[in-house]
Protein backbone atom coordinates (compact mmCIF):
# COMPACT_ATOMS: atom_id res chain seq x y z
CA MET A 1 -61.34 35.05 -41.78
CA GLU A 2 -57.57 35.16 -42.31
CA LYS A 3 -55.26 34.88 -39.39
CA GLU A 4 -52.68 37.58 -39.07
CA VAL A 5 -49.20 36.12 -39.06
CA LYS A 6 -46.81 37.89 -36.76
CA LYS A 7 -43.30 38.25 -38.05
CA GLU A 8 -40.91 38.12 -35.16
CA LYS A 9 -37.52 39.65 -35.43
CA THR A 10 -35.00 36.85 -35.19
CA THR A 11 -31.31 37.01 -34.59
CA PRO A 12 -29.03 35.03 -36.89
CA ARG A 13 -28.23 31.58 -35.59
CA ILE A 14 -24.66 31.82 -36.86
CA THR A 15 -22.72 34.90 -35.82
CA GLU A 16 -20.17 36.69 -38.00
CA LYS A 17 -17.47 35.54 -35.58
CA GLU A 18 -18.49 31.89 -36.01
CA ALA A 19 -18.78 32.29 -39.78
CA LYS A 20 -15.17 33.55 -39.99
CA ALA A 21 -13.76 31.21 -37.34
CA GLY A 22 -10.47 29.55 -38.23
CA LEU A 23 -9.72 31.61 -41.32
CA LYS A 24 -6.86 33.64 -39.80
CA GLU A 25 -5.39 31.19 -37.27
CA LYS A 26 -1.66 30.54 -37.55
CA LEU A 27 -0.96 27.01 -38.82
CA PRO A 28 2.28 25.12 -39.52
CA PRO A 29 3.96 25.99 -42.83
CA ILE A 30 3.56 23.75 -45.87
CA GLU A 31 6.99 23.01 -47.28
CA THR A 32 7.75 22.26 -50.93
CA PHE A 33 10.52 20.81 -53.06
CA PRO A 34 11.50 21.58 -56.68
CA ASN A 35 9.40 19.89 -59.35
CA GLN A 36 11.38 17.92 -61.94
CA PHE A 37 8.75 17.17 -64.61
CA PRO A 38 6.14 19.04 -66.67
CA ASP A 39 2.40 18.49 -67.04
CA TYR A 40 1.33 15.77 -64.61
CA GLU A 41 -1.18 15.60 -61.77
CA ILE A 42 -0.59 14.66 -58.14
CA LYS A 43 -3.45 13.32 -56.03
CA ILE A 44 -3.17 13.21 -52.23
CA GLU A 45 -5.87 11.71 -50.00
CA TYR A 46 -5.98 12.36 -46.27
CA PRO A 47 -8.78 10.19 -44.79
CA GLU A 48 -8.19 11.26 -41.17
CA PHE A 49 -9.10 14.95 -41.33
CA THR A 50 -10.68 16.34 -38.19
CA SER A 51 -11.72 19.82 -37.11
CA VAL A 52 -14.23 21.31 -34.69
CA CYS A 53 -17.57 22.92 -35.49
CA PRO A 54 -17.31 26.54 -34.28
CA LYS A 55 -21.04 26.62 -33.46
CA THR A 56 -21.45 23.38 -31.50
CA GLY A 57 -17.88 22.53 -30.48
CA LEU A 58 -18.42 18.99 -31.77
CA PRO A 59 -15.75 17.22 -33.83
CA ASP A 60 -16.08 16.94 -37.59
CA PHE A 61 -14.45 14.08 -39.50
CA GLY A 62 -13.76 13.66 -43.18
CA THR A 63 -11.44 12.98 -46.07
CA ILE A 64 -9.46 15.72 -47.79
CA ILE A 65 -8.55 15.04 -51.43
CA ILE A 66 -5.99 17.30 -53.09
CA ARG A 67 -5.44 17.16 -56.85
CA TYR A 68 -2.94 19.55 -58.36
CA VAL A 69 -0.66 20.07 -61.35
CA PRO A 70 2.67 21.35 -60.05
CA GLU A 71 4.56 24.14 -61.77
CA LYS A 72 7.91 24.74 -60.07
CA SER A 73 7.20 23.16 -56.65
CA CYS A 74 5.61 20.03 -55.19
CA LEU A 75 4.06 19.71 -51.74
CA GLU A 76 6.25 17.97 -49.17
CA LEU A 77 4.02 15.35 -47.52
CA LYS A 78 5.27 15.39 -43.92
CA SER A 79 4.78 19.15 -43.59
CA LEU A 80 1.39 18.83 -45.32
CA LYS A 81 0.37 16.20 -42.76
CA MET A 82 1.46 18.43 -39.87
CA TYR A 83 -0.47 21.31 -41.41
CA LEU A 84 -3.64 19.20 -41.75
CA LEU A 85 -3.25 17.80 -38.21
CA ALA A 86 -3.34 21.38 -36.88
CA TYR A 87 -7.03 21.54 -37.84
CA ARG A 88 -7.81 18.94 -35.16
CA ASP A 89 -8.48 21.59 -32.49
CA LEU A 90 -9.45 24.42 -34.83
CA GLY A 91 -13.03 25.69 -34.85
CA ILE A 92 -13.88 26.08 -38.55
CA PHE A 93 -16.82 25.27 -40.83
CA TYR A 94 -16.34 22.64 -43.59
CA GLU A 95 -16.64 25.20 -46.35
CA ASN A 96 -14.04 27.46 -44.76
CA ALA A 97 -11.65 24.58 -44.10
CA VAL A 98 -11.72 23.42 -47.74
CA ASN A 99 -11.23 26.92 -49.11
CA ARG A 100 -8.52 27.84 -46.60
CA ILE A 101 -6.57 24.63 -47.28
CA LEU A 102 -6.76 25.33 -51.02
CA GLU A 103 -5.56 28.92 -50.55
CA ASP A 104 -2.68 27.79 -48.32
CA ILE A 105 -1.63 25.12 -50.83
CA VAL A 106 -1.73 27.62 -53.69
CA LYS A 107 0.35 30.06 -51.63
CA ALA A 108 2.90 27.32 -50.85
CA CYS A 109 3.45 25.75 -54.28
CA GLN A 110 1.72 27.99 -56.87
CA PRO A 111 0.34 25.11 -58.97
CA VAL A 112 -0.87 25.33 -62.54
CA ARG A 113 -4.28 24.24 -61.25
CA ALA A 114 -5.70 22.54 -58.19
CA VAL A 115 -8.92 21.04 -56.87
CA LEU A 116 -9.51 20.42 -53.20
CA THR A 117 -12.40 18.22 -52.12
CA GLY A 118 -13.61 17.68 -48.57
CA GLU A 119 -15.86 14.66 -48.09
CA PHE A 120 -17.23 14.98 -44.58
CA ASN A 121 -18.78 12.16 -42.56
CA PRO A 122 -22.54 12.34 -42.07
CA ARG A 123 -23.76 14.39 -39.16
CA GLY A 124 -27.43 14.62 -38.34
CA GLY A 125 -28.13 12.35 -41.32
CA MET A 126 -26.49 14.71 -43.82
CA LYS A 127 -23.22 14.19 -45.67
CA SER A 128 -21.40 17.22 -47.08
CA VAL A 129 -18.98 17.32 -49.99
CA VAL A 130 -17.25 20.66 -50.56
CA GLU A 131 -15.06 21.32 -53.60
CA ALA A 132 -12.91 24.36 -54.39
CA HIS A 133 -10.92 25.07 -57.56
CA TYR A 134 -7.82 27.03 -58.47
CA PRO A 135 -7.62 29.18 -60.45
CA ARG A 136 -10.80 30.69 -59.11
CA LEU A 137 -13.32 32.28 -61.40
CA ARG A 138 -13.90 35.13 -58.95
CA LYS A 139 -11.83 36.64 -56.16
CA ARG A 140 -13.04 36.29 -52.58
CA SER A 141 -14.56 39.44 -51.09
CA LYS A 142 -13.00 40.36 -47.77
């Protein structure tokens, strides 16, 4: 005799509001300065990245690694640091933070190419590494 399995209607654990949290918040501008040389890569590591999980309100910690080939402009580091520090109190998922930072960097300096990696500290026994590339293969749907 087979038992009948009841399928209960469940509500999503993550709401649309939480999923989009932090994507439109106003952050400090990223300043640039004129690039003087062609065809080289800049790598910036920021090992003190913090943000807040929009679901739990708990802090997230990690390292942000930016690799980019500048075209006409380079990122100015003090303004970049102030920009990244603004995430400290921002509710945003890892994936959204990495992709938003990449989009904001591209908007600021319009590099030839860029890769942004977020290596986040383990939480609940799981470590996350999120990587986003520019140029993107596909445009983001809005």
